[in-house]
C-alpha atoms as a PDB file:
ATOM      1  CA  MET A   1      -1.442 -17.194  19.128  1.00  0.00           C
ATOM      2  CA  ASN A   2       1.893 -18.822  18.450  1.00  0.00           C
ATOM      3  CA  ALA A   3       3.872 -16.502  16.138  1.00  0.00           C
ATOM      4  CA  GLY A   4       5.708 -19.500  14.665  1.00  0.00           C
ATOM      5  CA  LEU A   5       2.453 -21.142  13.597  1.00  0.00           C
ATOM      6  CA  LYS A   6       1.223 -17.888  12.107  1.00  0.00           C
ATOM      7  CA  ALA A   7       4.449 -17.406  10.129  1.00  0.00           C
ATOM      8  CA  GLN A   8       4.287 -21.034   8.937  1.00  0.00           C
ATOM      9  CA  ARG A   9       0.639 -20.611   7.863  1.00  0.00           C
ATOM     10  CA  GLN A  10       1.420 -17.363   6.035  1.00  0.00           C
ATOM     11  CA  ARG A  11       4.351 -19.002   4.220  1.00  0.00           C
ATOM     12  CA  ARG A  12       2.015 -21.819   3.181  1.00  0.00           C
ATOM     13  CA  ILE A  13      -0.581 -19.296   1.984  1.00  0.00           C
ATOM     14  CA  ALA A  14       2.073 -17.525  -0.096  1.00  0.00           C
ATOM     15  CA  GLN A  15       3.133 -20.871  -1.562  1.00  0.00           C
ATOM     16  CA  LEU A  16      -0.458 -21.851  -2.394  1.00  0.00           C
ATOM     17  CA  LEU A  17      -1.151 -18.503  -4.049  1.00  0.00           C
ATOM     18  CA  ALA A  18       2.008 -18.829  -6.137  1.00  0.00           C
ATOM     19  CA  GLU A  19       1.217 -22.428  -7.199  1.00  0.00           C
ATOM     20  CA  ARG A  20      -2.522 -22.204  -7.831  1.00  0.00           C
ATOM     21  CA  GLY A  21      -5.228 -19.839  -8.944  1.00  0.00           C
ATOM     22  CA  VAL A  22      -7.000 -19.433  -5.592  1.00  0.00           C
ATOM     23  CA  THR A  23     -10.256 -17.575  -6.177  1.00  0.00           C
ATOM     24  CA  SER A  24     -11.733 -17.271  -2.680  1.00  0.00           C
ATOM     25  CA  GLN A  25     -10.926 -17.306   1.005  1.00  0.00           C
ATOM     26  CA  ARG A  26     -13.178 -20.350   1.368  1.00  0.00           C
ATOM     27  CA  GLU A  27     -11.090 -22.219  -1.201  1.00  0.00           C
ATOM     28  CA  LEU A  28      -7.902 -21.184   0.613  1.00  0.00           C
ATOM     29  CA  VAL A  29      -9.287 -22.434   3.960  1.00  0.00           C
ATOM     30  CA  GLY A  30      -9.921 -25.814   2.301  1.00  0.00           C
ATOM     31  CA  LEU A  31      -6.455 -25.971   0.758  1.00  0.00           C
ATOM     32  CA  LEU A  32      -4.836 -25.116   4.095  1.00  0.00           C
ATOM     33  CA  ALA A  33      -6.856 -27.807   5.886  1.00  0.00           C
ATOM     34  CA  ALA A  34      -5.881 -30.367   3.220  1.00  0.00           C
ATOM     35  CA  THR A  35      -2.196 -29.605   3.844  1.00  0.00           C
ATOM     36  CA  GLY A  36      -2.451 -29.887   7.631  1.00  0.00           C
ATOM     37  CA  ASN A  37      -2.718 -26.149   8.322  1.00  0.00           C
ATOM     38  CA  PRO A  38      -6.316 -25.664   9.499  1.00  0.00           C
ATOM     39  CA  ALA A  39      -7.508 -22.052   9.791  1.00  0.00           C
ATOM     40  CA  THR A  40     -10.784 -20.189   9.965  1.00  0.00           C
ATOM     41  CA  GLN A  41     -11.979 -17.851   7.232  1.00  0.00           C
ATOM     42  CA  ALA A  42     -11.445 -14.883   9.578  1.00  0.00           C
ATOM     43  CA  THR A  43      -7.827 -15.931  10.185  1.00  0.00           C
ATOM     44  CA  VAL A  44      -7.219 -16.378   6.452  1.00  0.00           C
ATOM     45  CA  SER A  45      -8.742 -12.958   5.819  1.00  0.00           C
ATOM     46  CA  ARG A  46      -6.340 -11.336   8.305  1.00  0.00           C
ATOM     47  CA  ASP A  47      -3.395 -13.275   6.864  1.00  0.00           C
ATOM     48  CA  LEU A  48      -4.221 -12.163   3.312  1.00  0.00           C
ATOM     49  CA  GLU A  49      -4.409  -8.552   4.464  1.00  0.00           C
ATOM     50  CA  GLU A  50      -1.091  -8.789   6.337  1.00  0.00           C
ATOM     51  CA  LEU A  51       0.547 -10.382   3.300  1.00  0.00           C
ATOM     52  CA  GLY A  52      -0.736  -7.567   1.054  1.00  0.00           C
ATOM     53  CA  ALA A  53      -2.756  -9.943  -1.123  1.00  0.00           C
ATOM     54  CA  PHE A  54      -4.854  -8.489  -3.911  1.00  0.00           C
ATOM     55  CA  LYS A  55      -7.001  -9.906  -6.680  1.00  0.00           C
ATOM     56  CA  VAL A  56      -5.892 -10.033 -10.305  1.00  0.00           C
ATOM     57  CA  ARG A  57      -7.351 -11.470 -13.492  1.00  0.00           C
ATOM     58  CA  ARG A  58      -5.405 -14.499 -14.776  1.00  0.00           C
ATOM     59  CA  ASN A  59      -6.560 -16.682 -17.640  1.00  0.00           C
ATOM     60  CA  GLY A  60     -10.062 -15.244 -17.393  1.00  0.00           C
ATOM     61  CA  ARG A  61     -10.346 -15.866 -13.631  1.00  0.00           C
ATOM     62  CA  VAL A  62      -9.997 -13.483 -10.698  1.00  0.00           C
ATOM     63  CA  VAL A  63      -7.447 -14.935  -8.279  1.00  0.00           C
ATOM     64  CA  TYR A  64      -5.421 -13.841  -5.263  1.00  0.00           C
ATOM     65  CA  ALA A  65      -1.843 -12.680  -5.813  1.00  0.00           C
ATOM     66  CA  LEU A  66       0.909 -11.295  -3.609  1.00  0.00           C
ATOM     67  CA  PRO A  67       3.084  -8.290  -4.364  1.00  0.00           C
ATOM     68  CA  SER A  68       6.687  -8.786  -5.399  1.00  0.00           C
ATOM     69  CA  PRO A  69       9.245  -8.126  -2.678  1.00  0.00           C
ATOM     70  CA  PRO A  70      10.096  -4.413  -2.641  1.00  0.00           C
ATOM     71  CA  PRO A  71      13.535  -3.323  -3.805  1.00  0.00           C
ATOM     72  CA  PRO A  72      15.911  -1.595  -1.376  1.00  0.00           C
ATOM     73  CA  GLY A  73      14.743   1.921  -0.521  1.00  0.00           C
ATOM     74  CA  SER A  74      11.042   1.146  -0.881  1.00  0.00           C
ATOM     75  CA  PRO A  75       8.674   1.822   2.000  1.00  0.00           C
ATOM     76  CA  PRO A  76       8.395  -1.080   4.433  1.00  0.00           C
ATOM     77  CA  GLY A  77       5.617  -3.593   4.148  1.00  0.00           C
ATOM     78  CA  PRO A  78       3.767  -5.129   1.250  1.00  0.00           C
ATOM     79  CA  GLY A  79       3.073  -3.040  -1.816  1.00  0.00           C
ATOM     80  CA  GLY A  80       5.963  -0.544  -1.590  1.00  0.00           C
ATOM     81  CA  GLU A  81       7.045  -0.940  -5.217  1.00  0.00           C
ATOM     82  CA  SER A  82       3.434  -0.867  -6.409  1.00  0.00           C
ATOM     83  CA  LEU A  83       2.972   2.417  -4.543  1.00  0.00           C
ATOM     84  CA  ARG A  84       6.141   3.818  -6.126  1.00  0.00           C
ATOM     85  CA  ARG A  85       4.877   2.965  -9.640  1.00  0.00           C
ATOM     86  CA  LEU A  86       1.386   4.315  -8.922  1.00  0.00           C
ATOM     87  CA  LEU A  87       2.693   7.608  -7.503  1.00  0.00           C
ATOM     88  CA  ALA A  88       5.157   8.030 -10.375  1.00  0.00           C
ATOM     89  CA  GLY A  89       2.298   7.721 -12.855  1.00  0.00           C
ATOM     90  CA  SER A  90      -0.433   9.583 -10.973  1.00  0.00           C
ATOM     91  CA  VAL A  91       1.064  12.401  -8.900  1.00  0.00           C
ATOM     92  CA  GLY A  92       1.551  15.771 -10.544  1.00  0.00           C
ATOM     93  CA  ASP A  93       2.680  17.763  -7.531  1.00  0.00           C
ATOM     94  CA  VAL A  94       3.012  17.617  -3.756  1.00  0.00           C
ATOM     95  CA  GLU A  95       3.043  20.578  -1.368  1.00  0.00           C
ATOM     96  CA  THR A  96       2.870  21.204   2.369  1.00  0.00           C
ATOM     97  CA  SER A  97       0.707  23.364   4.578  1.00  0.00           C
ATOM     98  CA  GLY A  98       1.534  22.797   8.248  1.00  0.00           C
ATOM     99  CA  ASN A  99       0.957  19.168   9.144  1.00  0.00           C
ATOM    100  CA  ILE A 100      -1.103  18.573   5.987  1.00  0.00           C
ATOM    101  CA  VAL A 101       0.450  17.482   2.708  1.00  0.00           C
ATOM    102  CA  ILE A 102      -1.541  18.156  -0.462  1.00  0.00           C
ATOM    103  CA  VAL A 103      -1.101  15.708  -3.323  1.00  0.00           C
ATOM    104  CA  HIS A 104      -2.341  16.735  -6.784  1.00  0.00           C
ATOM    105  CA  THR A 105      -3.391  14.016  -9.233  1.00  0.00           C
ATOM    106  CA  PRO A 106      -5.174  13.888 -12.595  1.00  0.00           C
ATOM    107  CA  PRO A 107      -8.987  13.966 -12.307  1.00  0.00           C
ATOM    108  CA  GLY A 108     -10.361  10.686 -10.979  1.00  0.00           C
ATOM    109  CA  HIS A 109      -7.042   9.394  -9.601  1.00  0.00           C
ATOM    110  CA  ALA A 110      -7.102  10.747  -6.042  1.00  0.00           C
ATOM    111  CA  GLY A 111      -9.155   7.935  -4.456  1.00  0.00           C
ATOM    112  CA  MET A 112      -6.961   5.210  -5.920  1.00  0.00           C
ATOM    113  CA  VAL A 113      -3.731   6.972  -4.895  1.00  0.00           C
ATOM    114  CA  ALA A 114      -5.001   7.741  -1.367  1.00  0.00           C
ATOM    115  CA  SER A 115      -6.054   4.128  -0.881  1.00  0.00           C
ATOM    116  CA  ALA A 116      -2.609   2.932  -1.964  1.00  0.00           C
ATOM    117  CA  ILE A 117      -0.872   5.368   0.410  1.00  0.00           C
ATOM    118  CA  ASP A 118      -3.055   4.165   3.298  1.00  0.00           C
ATOM    119  CA  GLY A 119      -2.512   0.516   2.346  1.00  0.00           C
ATOM    120  CA  VAL A 120       1.281   0.695   2.435  1.00  0.00           C
ATOM    121  CA  ALA A 121       1.470   2.745   5.645  1.00  0.00           C
ATOM    122  CA  VAL A 122       4.086   5.302   4.640  1.00  0.00           C
ATOM    123  CA  GLU A 123       6.004   6.384   7.740  1.00  0.00           C
ATOM    124  CA  GLY A 124       4.653   9.569   9.315  1.00  0.00           C
ATOM    125  CA  ILE A 125       1.192   9.440   7.717  1.00  0.00           C
ATOM    126  CA  ALA A 126      -1.882   9.149   9.938  1.00  0.00           C
ATOM    127  CA  GLY A 127      -4.335   8.944   7.042  1.00  0.00           C
ATOM    128  CA  THR A 128      -5.653  10.478   3.849  1.00  0.00           C
ATOM    129  CA  VAL A 129      -8.796  12.161   2.549  1.00  0.00           C
ATOM    130  CA  ALA A 130      -9.342  12.091  -1.202  1.00  0.00           C
ATOM    131  CA  GLY A 131     -11.392  14.235  -3.531  1.00  0.00           C
ATOM    132  CA  ASP A 132     -11.416  13.856  -7.302  1.00  0.00           C
ATOM    133  CA  ASP A 133      -7.958  15.228  -8.066  1.00  0.00           C
ATOM    134  CA  THR A 134      -6.594  16.233  -4.661  1.00  0.00           C
ATOM    135  CA  ILE A 135      -5.566  14.265  -1.569  1.00  0.00           C
ATOM    136  CA  LEU A 136      -5.115  15.698   1.909  1.00  0.00           C
ATOM    137  CA  VAL A 137      -2.484  13.669   3.737  1.00  0.00           C
ATOM    138  CA  VAL A 138      -2.602  14.129   7.510  1.00  0.00           C
ATOM    139  CA  CYS A 139       0.757  13.732   9.230  1.00  0.00           C
ATOM    140  CA  ARG A 140       1.125  11.887  12.512  1.00  0.00           C
ATOM    141  CA  ASN A 141       1.514  14.003  15.627  1.00  0.00           C
ATOM    142  CA  GLY A 142       5.004  15.494  15.752  1.00  0.00           C
ATOM    143  CA  VAL A 143       5.890  14.647  12.141  1.00  0.00           C
ATOM    144  CA  PRO A 144       6.456  17.802  10.084  1.00  0.00           C
ATOM    145  CA  GLY A 145       4.530  17.979   6.833  1.00  0.00           C
ATOM    146  CA  ARG A 146       7.723  18.776   4.904  1.00  0.00           C
ATOM    147  CA  VAL A 147       9.168  15.387   5.957  1.00  0.00           C
ATOM    148  CA  VAL A 148       6.160  13.504   4.608  1.00  0.00           C
ATOM    149  CA  GLU A 149       6.179  15.699   1.487  1.00  0.00           C
ATOM    150  CA  GLY A 150       9.794  14.669   0.895  1.00  0.00           C
ATOM    151  CA  ARG A 151       8.925  10.976   1.289  1.00  0.00           C
ATOM    152  CA  LEU A 152       6.005  11.230  -1.123  1.00  0.00           C
ATOM    153  CA  ARG A 153       8.049  13.260  -3.623  1.00  0.00           C
ATOM    154  CA  GLY A 154      10.780  10.618  -3.462  1.00  0.00           C
ATOM    155  CA  LEU A 155       8.310   7.787  -4.034  1.00  0.00           C
ATOM    156  CA  ALA A 156       6.709   9.676  -6.938  1.00  0.00           C
ATOM    157  CA  GLY A 157      10.069  10.501  -8.498  1.00  0.00           C
ATOM    158  CA  LEU A 158       9.400  14.232  -8.188  1.00  0.00           C
ATOM    159  CA  GLU A 159      12.219  16.708  -7.746  1.00  0.00           C
ATOM    160  CA  ILE A 160      12.774  18.176  -4.299  1.00  0.00           C
ATOM    161  CA  PRO A 161      12.656  21.979  -4.831  1.00  0.00           C
ATOM    162  CA  ALA A 162      15.778  24.038  -4.167  1.00  0.00           C
ATOM    163  CA  GLY A 163      15.969  24.833  -0.471  1.00  0.00           C
ATOM    164  CA  GLY A 164      14.033  21.670   0.484  1.00  0.00           C
ATOM    165  CA  VAL A 165      10.333  21.210   0.996  1.00  0.00           C
ATOM    166  CA  THR A 166       9.501  24.040   3.342  1.00  0.00           C
ATOM    167  CA  ARG A 167       6.968  25.980   1.261  1.00  0.00           C
ATOM    168  CA  THR A 168       3.417  26.373   2.423  1.00  0.00           C
ATOM    169  CA  GLY A 169       0.267  27.448   0.730  1.00  0.00           C
ATOM    170  CA  GLY A 170      -1.115  27.467  -2.814  1.00  0.00           C
ATOM    171  CA  ARG A 171      -0.258  25.557  -5.933  1.00  0.00           C
ATOM    172  CA  ARG A 172       3.009  26.241  -7.621  1.00  0.00           C
END
């Protein structure tokens, strides 16, 4: 696939989403074709995912939207600022045990927070497992848990404890 064509198509998708209330991938495929940018539904689906598109309610309709560009210091990729806001409002504490980072949230918030962490691809994180109010964050091979803890604490606006983030074990 020609990277230039893909970038052009994704720019056009972003423009269409900003200009119109696009409600479905099928509608977007039609709009792209009408503007001389034919694409399959599968291609549009991948493009929307790469662009970080999500659905929002506008004027009583559910439409696709794109995240705002992240400010400097946010994690790379789409959704960095959204993750920062979500973590700031939903994370009570973060601690490390080996290569696992434990994130404590209010009851019912863990799934939403874990999904957001996975969606933004925070550096050093292989994946998450969420319960009701606790998330286990598995660090990538060779990445110390305390490094990921520091990143998550920074995103959540939590203080880094004196002496860094080297504690292990139970809740503080």
